[in-house]
Amino acid sequence: MVTDAGTPGISDPGSLLISTIRKQYPELKIEAVPGPSALTAALSIAGVPTHEFIFLGFMPHKKGRETLFKEIADSERTMVFYESTHRIMKTLESLKTINKKVTVVREITKIYEEVIQGSAEEIFNILNNTPEKQKGEFVVIVSVL
């Protein structure tokens, strides 16, 4: 999907198209065209609601971390944040109690780019069973089911 009106899938009906394609053709690779930030690139290929979202940056190491996870659990908006290789498993562990769709975009716009969607527990298990997938830079998106 190409448009002359900004990044498709961000605050427009393009996210519905991406969501439908992801459901009907899960094996189809959807790639983002490199842009100004991993945030918008990841949202444009996730197929999640983007009419409203909150970007949290990197999650704090300690102070305020649990408060943010509670905010993510209670929010009706899509929540997006970055996570490091060293903390992705701990983050997914914390998200397991939240009944929301989780999308992990790994290595966006790079050779090993990958989008993994499901519950936090499903994604935790995928990454746990394939440790090489725990490497890289991560954009984590938590959205309503």
N, C-alpha and C. Protein backbone atom coordinates (compact mmCIF):
# COMPACT_ATOMS: atom_id res chain seq x y z
N MET A 1 0.86 -1.16 0.00
CA MET A 1 0.00 0.00 0.00
C MET A 1 0.91 1.22 0.00
N VAL A 2 0.71 2.09 -0.92
CA VAL A 2 1.48 3.32 -1.02
C VAL A 2 0.49 4.46 -1.08
N THR A 3 0.84 5.57 -0.45
CA THR A 3 -0.03 6.73 -0.45
C THR A 3 0.81 7.99 -0.59
N ASP A 4 0.19 9.04 -1.04
CA ASP A 4 0.88 10.33 -1.10
C ASP A 4 0.42 11.23 0.05
N ALA A 5 -0.19 10.61 1.05
CA ALA A 5 -0.74 11.38 2.16
C ALA A 5 -0.18 10.91 3.50
N GLY A 6 1.12 10.80 3.60
CA GLY A 6 1.73 10.40 4.87
C GLY A 6 1.91 8.90 4.98
N THR A 7 2.21 8.44 6.17
CA THR A 7 2.45 7.02 6.40
C THR A 7 1.13 6.27 6.46
N PRO A 8 0.93 5.30 5.56
CA PRO A 8 -0.32 4.53 5.60
C PRO A 8 -0.42 3.75 6.90
N GLY A 9 -1.62 3.63 7.40
CA GLY A 9 -1.84 2.84 8.61
C GLY A 9 -1.72 3.63 9.89
N ILE A 10 -1.35 4.90 9.81
CA ILE A 10 -1.27 5.73 11.02
C ILE A 10 -2.44 6.70 10.97
N SER A 11 -3.36 6.51 11.87
CA SER A 11 -4.54 7.37 11.99
C SER A 11 -5.32 7.45 10.68
N ASP A 12 -5.44 6.32 9.99
CA ASP A 12 -6.26 6.26 8.79
C ASP A 12 -6.77 4.83 8.63
N PRO A 13 -7.66 4.60 7.68
CA PRO A 13 -8.23 3.26 7.52
C PRO A 13 -7.23 2.20 7.04
N GLY A 14 -6.02 2.58 6.71
CA GLY A 14 -5.01 1.61 6.29
C GLY A 14 -4.75 0.54 7.33
N SER A 15 -4.90 0.86 8.61
CA SER A 15 -4.67 -0.14 9.65
C SER A 15 -5.68 -1.28 9.55
N LEU A 16 -6.90 -0.99 9.08
CA LEU A 16 -7.90 -2.05 8.90
C LEU A 16 -7.49 -3.00 7.77
N LEU A 17 -6.94 -2.46 6.70
CA LEU A 17 -6.44 -3.27 5.59
C LEU A 17 -5.31 -4.18 6.06
N ILE A 18 -4.35 -3.61 6.78
CA ILE A 18 -3.22 -4.39 7.28
C ILE A 18 -3.70 -5.49 8.23
N SER A 19 -4.64 -5.16 9.11
CA SER A 19 -5.17 -6.14 10.06
C SER A 19 -5.84 -7.30 9.32
N THR A 20 -6.63 -7.00 8.31
CA THR A 20 -7.30 -8.03 7.54
C THR A 20 -6.30 -8.91 6.81
N ILE A 21 -5.30 -8.31 6.20
CA ILE A 21 -4.27 -9.08 5.49
C ILE A 21 -3.52 -9.98 6.47
N ARG A 22 -3.17 -9.46 7.65
CA ARG A 22 -2.45 -10.27 8.64
C ARG A 22 -3.27 -11.49 9.06
N LYS A 23 -4.60 -11.31 9.19
CA LYS A 23 -5.46 -12.42 9.61
C LYS A 23 -5.65 -13.44 8.48
N GLN A 24 -5.89 -12.97 7.27
CA GLN A 24 -6.20 -13.87 6.16
C GLN A 24 -4.96 -14.50 5.54
N TYR A 25 -3.84 -13.81 5.59
CA TYR A 25 -2.61 -14.31 4.97
C TYR A 25 -1.44 -14.17 5.95
N PRO A 26 -1.45 -14.95 7.05
CA PRO A 26 -0.42 -14.78 8.08
C PRO A 26 1.01 -15.03 7.57
N GLU A 27 1.15 -15.78 6.48
CA GLU A 27 2.49 -16.06 5.96
C GLU A 27 3.03 -14.92 5.10
N LEU A 28 2.18 -13.98 4.71
CA LEU A 28 2.59 -12.87 3.86
C LEU A 28 3.47 -11.89 4.65
N LYS A 29 4.59 -11.55 4.09
CA LYS A 29 5.50 -10.61 4.76
C LYS A 29 5.09 -9.19 4.42
N ILE A 30 4.83 -8.40 5.43
CA ILE A 30 4.48 -6.99 5.27
C ILE A 30 5.65 -6.19 5.81
N GLU A 31 6.21 -5.34 4.98
CA GLU A 31 7.38 -4.58 5.38
C GLU A 31 7.08 -3.09 5.41
N ALA A 32 7.77 -2.39 6.28
CA ALA A 32 7.66 -0.93 6.34
C ALA A 32 8.76 -0.33 5.49
N VAL A 33 8.44 0.76 4.85
CA VAL A 33 9.47 1.53 4.17
C VAL A 33 10.16 2.35 5.24
N PRO A 34 11.49 2.31 5.31
CA PRO A 34 12.18 3.06 6.36
C PRO A 34 11.75 4.52 6.38
N GLY A 35 11.50 5.01 7.57
CA GLY A 35 11.05 6.38 7.74
C GLY A 35 11.78 7.06 8.86
N PRO A 36 11.17 8.09 9.40
CA PRO A 36 11.85 8.88 10.42
C PRO A 36 11.96 8.20 11.78
N SER A 37 11.10 7.19 12.06
CA SER A 37 11.20 6.56 13.37
C SER A 37 10.68 5.13 13.33
N ALA A 38 11.21 4.31 14.21
CA ALA A 38 10.75 2.93 14.34
C ALA A 38 9.29 2.90 14.81
N LEU A 39 8.89 3.88 15.58
CA LEU A 39 7.53 3.97 16.09
C LEU A 39 6.52 3.96 14.95
N THR A 40 6.63 4.89 14.02
CA THR A 40 5.65 4.98 12.94
C THR A 40 5.78 3.82 11.96
N ALA A 41 7.00 3.37 11.71
CA ALA A 41 7.18 2.23 10.82
C ALA A 41 6.51 0.99 11.40
N ALA A 42 6.70 0.73 12.69
CA ALA A 42 6.10 -0.44 13.34
C ALA A 42 4.58 -0.35 13.36
N LEU A 43 4.05 0.81 13.71
CA LEU A 43 2.60 0.97 13.72
C LEU A 43 2.00 0.79 12.34
N SER A 44 2.72 1.21 11.30
CA SER A 44 2.17 1.14 9.95
C SER A 44 2.02 -0.29 9.45
N ILE A 45 2.74 -1.25 10.01
CA ILE A 45 2.65 -2.64 9.56
C ILE A 45 2.05 -3.58 10.61
N ALA A 46 1.62 -3.05 11.75
CA ALA A 46 1.10 -3.90 12.82
C ALA A 46 -0.35 -4.31 12.61
N GLY A 47 -1.14 -3.45 11.98
CA GLY A 47 -2.55 -3.77 11.80
C GLY A 47 -3.34 -3.66 13.09
N VAL A 48 -2.98 -2.70 13.92
CA VAL A 48 -3.67 -2.45 15.19
C VAL A 48 -4.31 -1.06 15.12
N PRO A 49 -5.25 -0.77 16.03
CA PRO A 49 -5.86 0.56 16.03
C PRO A 49 -4.81 1.66 16.23
N THR A 50 -4.80 2.64 15.33
CA THR A 50 -3.83 3.73 15.41
C THR A 50 -4.48 5.10 15.44
N HIS A 51 -5.81 5.14 15.56
CA HIS A 51 -6.46 6.44 15.62
C HIS A 51 -6.07 7.21 16.88
N GLU A 52 -5.73 6.48 17.92
CA GLU A 52 -5.18 7.06 19.14
C GLU A 52 -4.13 6.10 19.68
N PHE A 53 -2.97 6.61 19.99
CA PHE A 53 -1.96 5.77 20.63
C PHE A 53 -1.11 6.64 21.53
N ILE A 54 -0.48 5.99 22.49
CA ILE A 54 0.42 6.67 23.42
C ILE A 54 1.79 6.03 23.28
N PHE A 55 2.80 6.86 23.08
CA PHE A 55 4.17 6.39 22.98
C PHE A 55 4.87 6.64 24.31
N LEU A 56 5.44 5.59 24.87
CA LEU A 56 6.04 5.66 26.20
C LEU A 56 7.57 5.72 26.18
N GLY A 57 8.19 5.69 25.00
CA GLY A 57 9.65 5.66 24.93
C GLY A 57 10.16 4.33 25.44
N PHE A 58 11.31 4.32 26.10
CA PHE A 58 11.83 3.11 26.73
C PHE A 58 11.21 2.97 28.10
N MET A 59 10.84 1.75 28.48
CA MET A 59 10.30 1.50 29.82
C MET A 59 11.40 1.74 30.85
N PRO A 60 11.04 2.31 32.00
CA PRO A 60 12.05 2.52 33.03
C PRO A 60 12.56 1.18 33.57
N HIS A 61 13.78 1.21 34.09
CA HIS A 61 14.36 -0.02 34.65
C HIS A 61 13.67 -0.42 35.95
N LYS A 62 13.43 0.52 36.81
CA LYS A 62 12.86 0.20 38.12
C LYS A 62 11.72 1.15 38.48
N LYS A 63 12.06 2.36 38.89
CA LYS A 63 11.07 3.29 39.40
C LYS A 63 10.02 3.63 38.34
N GLY A 64 8.76 3.36 38.67
CA GLY A 64 7.66 3.69 37.79
C GLY A 64 7.30 2.60 36.79
N ARG A 65 8.08 1.54 36.75
CA ARG A 65 7.84 0.46 35.78
C ARG A 65 6.49 -0.22 36.00
N GLU A 66 6.21 -0.63 37.21
CA GLU A 66 4.94 -1.31 37.50
C GLU A 66 3.74 -0.37 37.30
N THR A 67 3.94 0.89 37.59
CA THR A 67 2.88 1.88 37.36
C THR A 67 2.54 1.96 35.88
N LEU A 68 3.56 1.95 35.03
CA LEU A 68 3.32 1.99 33.59
C LEU A 68 2.62 0.71 33.10
N PHE A 69 2.97 -0.44 33.64
CA PHE A 69 2.29 -1.66 33.23
C PHE A 69 0.82 -1.63 33.65
N LYS A 70 0.53 -1.03 34.79
CA LYS A 70 -0.87 -0.88 35.20
C LYS A 70 -1.60 0.07 34.25
N GLU A 71 -0.95 1.15 33.87
CA GLU A 71 -1.53 2.09 32.92
C GLU A 71 -1.80 1.41 31.58
N ILE A 72 -0.88 0.57 31.12
CA ILE A 72 -1.05 -0.17 29.87
C ILE A 72 -2.26 -1.10 29.99
N ALA A 73 -2.39 -1.79 31.12
CA ALA A 73 -3.50 -2.71 31.33
C ALA A 73 -4.84 -1.99 31.32
N ASP A 74 -4.90 -0.79 31.88
CA ASP A 74 -6.15 -0.05 32.02
C ASP A 74 -6.52 0.78 30.79
N SER A 75 -5.58 1.00 29.89
CA SER A 75 -5.81 1.92 28.78
C SER A 75 -6.66 1.30 27.68
N GLU A 76 -7.51 2.14 27.08
CA GLU A 76 -8.28 1.75 25.90
C GLU A 76 -7.54 2.14 24.63
N ARG A 77 -6.45 2.85 24.76
CA ARG A 77 -5.65 3.28 23.62
C ARG A 77 -4.53 2.27 23.36
N THR A 78 -4.05 2.27 22.14
CA THR A 78 -2.87 1.49 21.80
C THR A 78 -1.67 2.11 22.49
N MET A 79 -0.87 1.28 23.14
CA MET A 79 0.31 1.74 23.86
C MET A 79 1.55 1.18 23.16
N VAL A 80 2.53 2.04 22.94
CA VAL A 80 3.73 1.66 22.20
C VAL A 80 4.96 2.06 23.01
N PHE A 81 5.95 1.16 23.05
CA PHE A 81 7.20 1.50 23.71
C PHE A 81 8.34 0.70 23.10
N TYR A 82 9.54 1.16 23.37
CA TYR A 82 10.75 0.47 22.92
C TYR A 82 11.26 -0.41 24.05
N GLU A 83 11.89 -1.52 23.67
CA GLU A 83 12.50 -2.38 24.68
C GLU A 83 13.83 -2.90 24.15
N SER A 84 14.73 -3.18 25.07
CA SER A 84 16.06 -3.64 24.71
C SER A 84 16.13 -5.16 24.71
N THR A 85 17.16 -5.67 24.09
CA THR A 85 17.45 -7.11 24.07
C THR A 85 17.51 -7.67 25.48
N HIS A 86 18.10 -6.92 26.38
CA HIS A 86 18.35 -7.41 27.73
C HIS A 86 17.09 -7.48 28.60
N ARG A 87 16.03 -6.76 28.20
CA ARG A 87 14.83 -6.72 29.05
C ARG A 87 13.56 -7.21 28.37
N ILE A 88 13.63 -7.66 27.13
CA ILE A 88 12.41 -8.05 26.42
C ILE A 88 11.68 -9.20 27.11
N MET A 89 12.40 -10.19 27.61
CA MET A 89 11.74 -11.33 28.25
C MET A 89 11.09 -10.91 29.57
N LYS A 90 11.76 -10.06 30.33
CA LYS A 90 11.18 -9.56 31.58
C LYS A 90 9.92 -8.74 31.29
N THR A 91 9.95 -7.97 30.23
CA THR A 91 8.79 -7.16 29.85
C THR A 91 7.62 -8.05 29.46
N LEU A 92 7.89 -9.06 28.64
CA LEU A 92 6.81 -9.97 28.24
C LEU A 92 6.25 -10.71 29.45
N GLU A 93 7.11 -11.05 30.39
CA GLU A 93 6.66 -11.69 31.63
C GLU A 93 5.68 -10.77 32.37
N SER A 94 6.01 -9.49 32.44
CA SER A 94 5.13 -8.52 33.11
C SER A 94 3.82 -8.32 32.35
N LEU A 95 3.84 -8.46 31.04
CA LEU A 95 2.63 -8.27 30.23
C LEU A 95 1.71 -9.49 30.23
N LYS A 96 2.17 -10.63 30.73
CA LYS A 96 1.37 -11.86 30.69
C LYS A 96 0.03 -11.72 31.41
N THR A 97 -0.04 -10.87 32.41
CA THR A 97 -1.29 -10.73 33.17
C THR A 97 -2.29 -9.79 32.48
N ILE A 98 -1.87 -9.15 31.42
CA ILE A 98 -2.72 -8.19 30.71
C ILE A 98 -3.41 -8.91 29.55
N ASN A 99 -4.73 -8.84 29.50
CA ASN A 99 -5.50 -9.52 28.46
C ASN A 99 -5.67 -8.61 27.25
N LYS A 100 -4.56 -8.41 26.52
CA LYS A 100 -4.58 -7.56 25.34
C LYS A 100 -3.71 -8.18 24.27
N LYS A 101 -3.89 -7.70 23.05
CA LYS A 101 -3.06 -8.14 21.92
C LYS A 101 -1.70 -7.48 22.03
N VAL A 102 -0.66 -8.27 21.86
CA VAL A 102 0.70 -7.75 21.91
C VAL A 102 1.34 -7.98 20.52
N THR A 103 1.98 -6.95 20.04
CA THR A 103 2.73 -7.04 18.79
C THR A 103 4.16 -6.66 19.10
N VAL A 104 5.08 -7.52 18.74
CA VAL A 104 6.50 -7.23 18.91
C VAL A 104 7.10 -7.11 17.51
N VAL A 105 7.65 -5.95 17.23
CA VAL A 105 8.32 -5.72 15.95
C VAL A 105 9.81 -5.68 16.27
N ARG A 106 10.51 -6.64 15.69
CA ARG A 106 11.94 -6.83 15.98
C ARG A 106 12.76 -6.43 14.77
N GLU A 107 13.81 -5.64 15.01
CA GLU A 107 14.76 -5.29 13.96
C GLU A 107 14.07 -4.61 12.76
N ILE A 108 13.18 -3.67 13.05
CA ILE A 108 12.42 -3.00 11.98
C ILE A 108 13.34 -2.38 10.94
N THR A 109 13.01 -2.58 9.69
CA THR A 109 13.70 -2.11 8.49
C THR A 109 15.11 -2.71 8.33
N LYS A 110 15.41 -3.77 9.06
CA LYS A 110 16.72 -4.43 8.93
C LYS A 110 16.52 -5.82 8.34
N ILE A 111 17.58 -6.51 8.07
CA ILE A 111 17.51 -7.79 7.38
C ILE A 111 16.69 -8.84 8.16
N TYR A 112 16.73 -8.82 9.47
CA TYR A 112 16.01 -9.81 10.27
C TYR A 112 14.69 -9.27 10.81
N GLU A 113 14.11 -8.29 10.14
CA GLU A 113 12.84 -7.71 10.57
C GLU A 113 11.79 -8.81 10.74
N GLU A 114 11.02 -8.69 11.83
CA GLU A 114 10.00 -9.69 12.12
C GLU A 114 8.89 -9.05 12.94
N VAL A 115 7.66 -9.45 12.64
CA VAL A 115 6.49 -9.02 13.40
C VAL A 115 5.87 -10.27 14.02
N ILE A 116 5.74 -10.26 15.35
CA ILE A 116 5.14 -11.39 16.07
C ILE A 116 3.94 -10.84 16.84
N GLN A 117 2.78 -11.47 16.64
CA GLN A 117 1.57 -11.02 17.32
C GLN A 117 0.92 -12.16 18.08
N GLY A 118 0.26 -11.81 19.18
CA GLY A 118 -0.46 -12.79 19.99
C GLY A 118 -0.57 -12.26 21.40
N SER A 119 -0.78 -13.17 22.32
CA SER A 119 -0.77 -12.78 23.74
C SER A 119 0.69 -12.65 24.17
N ALA A 120 0.89 -11.98 25.28
CA ALA A 120 2.26 -11.85 25.80
C ALA A 120 2.86 -13.22 26.09
N GLU A 121 2.03 -14.13 26.57
CA GLU A 121 2.52 -15.47 26.87
C GLU A 121 2.94 -16.21 25.60
N GLU A 122 2.14 -16.08 24.53
CA GLU A 122 2.50 -16.73 23.26
C GLU A 122 3.82 -16.20 22.73
N ILE A 123 3.99 -14.89 22.78
CA ILE A 123 5.22 -14.28 22.27
C ILE A 123 6.40 -14.65 23.17
N PHE A 124 6.19 -14.66 24.48
CA PHE A 124 7.23 -15.09 25.41
C PHE A 124 7.72 -16.50 25.04
N ASN A 125 6.78 -17.40 24.79
CA ASN A 125 7.14 -18.78 24.46
C ASN A 125 7.90 -18.86 23.14
N ILE A 126 7.50 -18.10 22.15
CA ILE A 126 8.20 -18.09 20.87
C ILE A 126 9.64 -17.64 21.06
N LEU A 127 9.82 -16.53 21.77
CA LEU A 127 11.16 -16.01 22.00
C LEU A 127 11.98 -16.93 22.90
N ASN A 128 11.33 -17.53 23.88
CA ASN A 128 12.03 -18.44 24.79
C ASN A 128 12.52 -19.69 24.04
N ASN A 129 11.72 -20.16 23.09
CA ASN A 129 12.08 -21.37 22.32
C ASN A 129 13.07 -21.09 21.20
N THR A 130 13.23 -19.84 20.83
CA THR A 130 14.19 -19.47 19.78
C THR A 130 15.00 -18.27 20.28
N PRO A 131 16.02 -18.52 21.09
CA PRO A 131 16.78 -17.44 21.72
C PRO A 131 17.36 -16.40 20.77
N GLU A 132 17.63 -16.78 19.51
CA GLU A 132 18.15 -15.79 18.57
C GLU A 132 17.13 -14.68 18.30
N LYS A 133 15.84 -14.96 18.53
CA LYS A 133 14.80 -13.94 18.35
C LYS A 133 14.76 -12.95 19.52
N GLN A 134 15.52 -13.21 20.56
CA GLN A 134 15.59 -12.30 21.70
C GLN A 134 16.60 -11.18 21.45
N LYS A 135 17.27 -11.24 20.33
CA LYS A 135 18.29 -10.24 20.01
C LYS A 135 17.72 -9.17 19.10
N GLY A 136 18.26 -7.98 19.26
CA GLY A 136 17.86 -6.88 18.38
C GLY A 136 17.18 -5.76 19.13
N GLU A 137 16.59 -4.89 18.36
CA GLU A 137 15.85 -3.76 18.91
C GLU A 137 14.36 -4.07 18.75
N PHE A 138 13.58 -3.72 19.76
CA PHE A 138 12.18 -4.09 19.78
C PHE A 138 11.27 -2.88 19.92
N VAL A 139 10.18 -2.90 19.15
CA VAL A 139 9.06 -2.00 19.36
C VAL A 139 7.94 -2.90 19.86
N VAL A 140 7.39 -2.59 21.03
CA VAL A 140 6.32 -3.38 21.62
C VAL A 140 5.04 -2.55 21.54
N ILE A 141 4.00 -3.18 21.00
CA ILE A 141 2.71 -2.51 20.83
C ILE A 141 1.67 -3.33 21.57
N VAL A 142 0.93 -2.69 22.47
CA VAL A 142 -0.12 -3.37 23.22
C VAL A 142 -1.43 -2.68 22.85
N SER A 143 -2.37 -3.48 22.33
CA SER A 143 -3.62 -2.91 21.84
C SER A 143 -4.81 -3.75 22.29
N VAL A 144 -5.99 -3.19 22.15
CA VAL A 144 -7.19 -3.93 22.49
C VAL A 144 -7.31 -5.13 21.56
N LEU A 145 -7.96 -6.17 22.04
CA LEU A 145 -8.06 -7.42 21.27
C LEU A 145 -8.83 -7.26 20.01
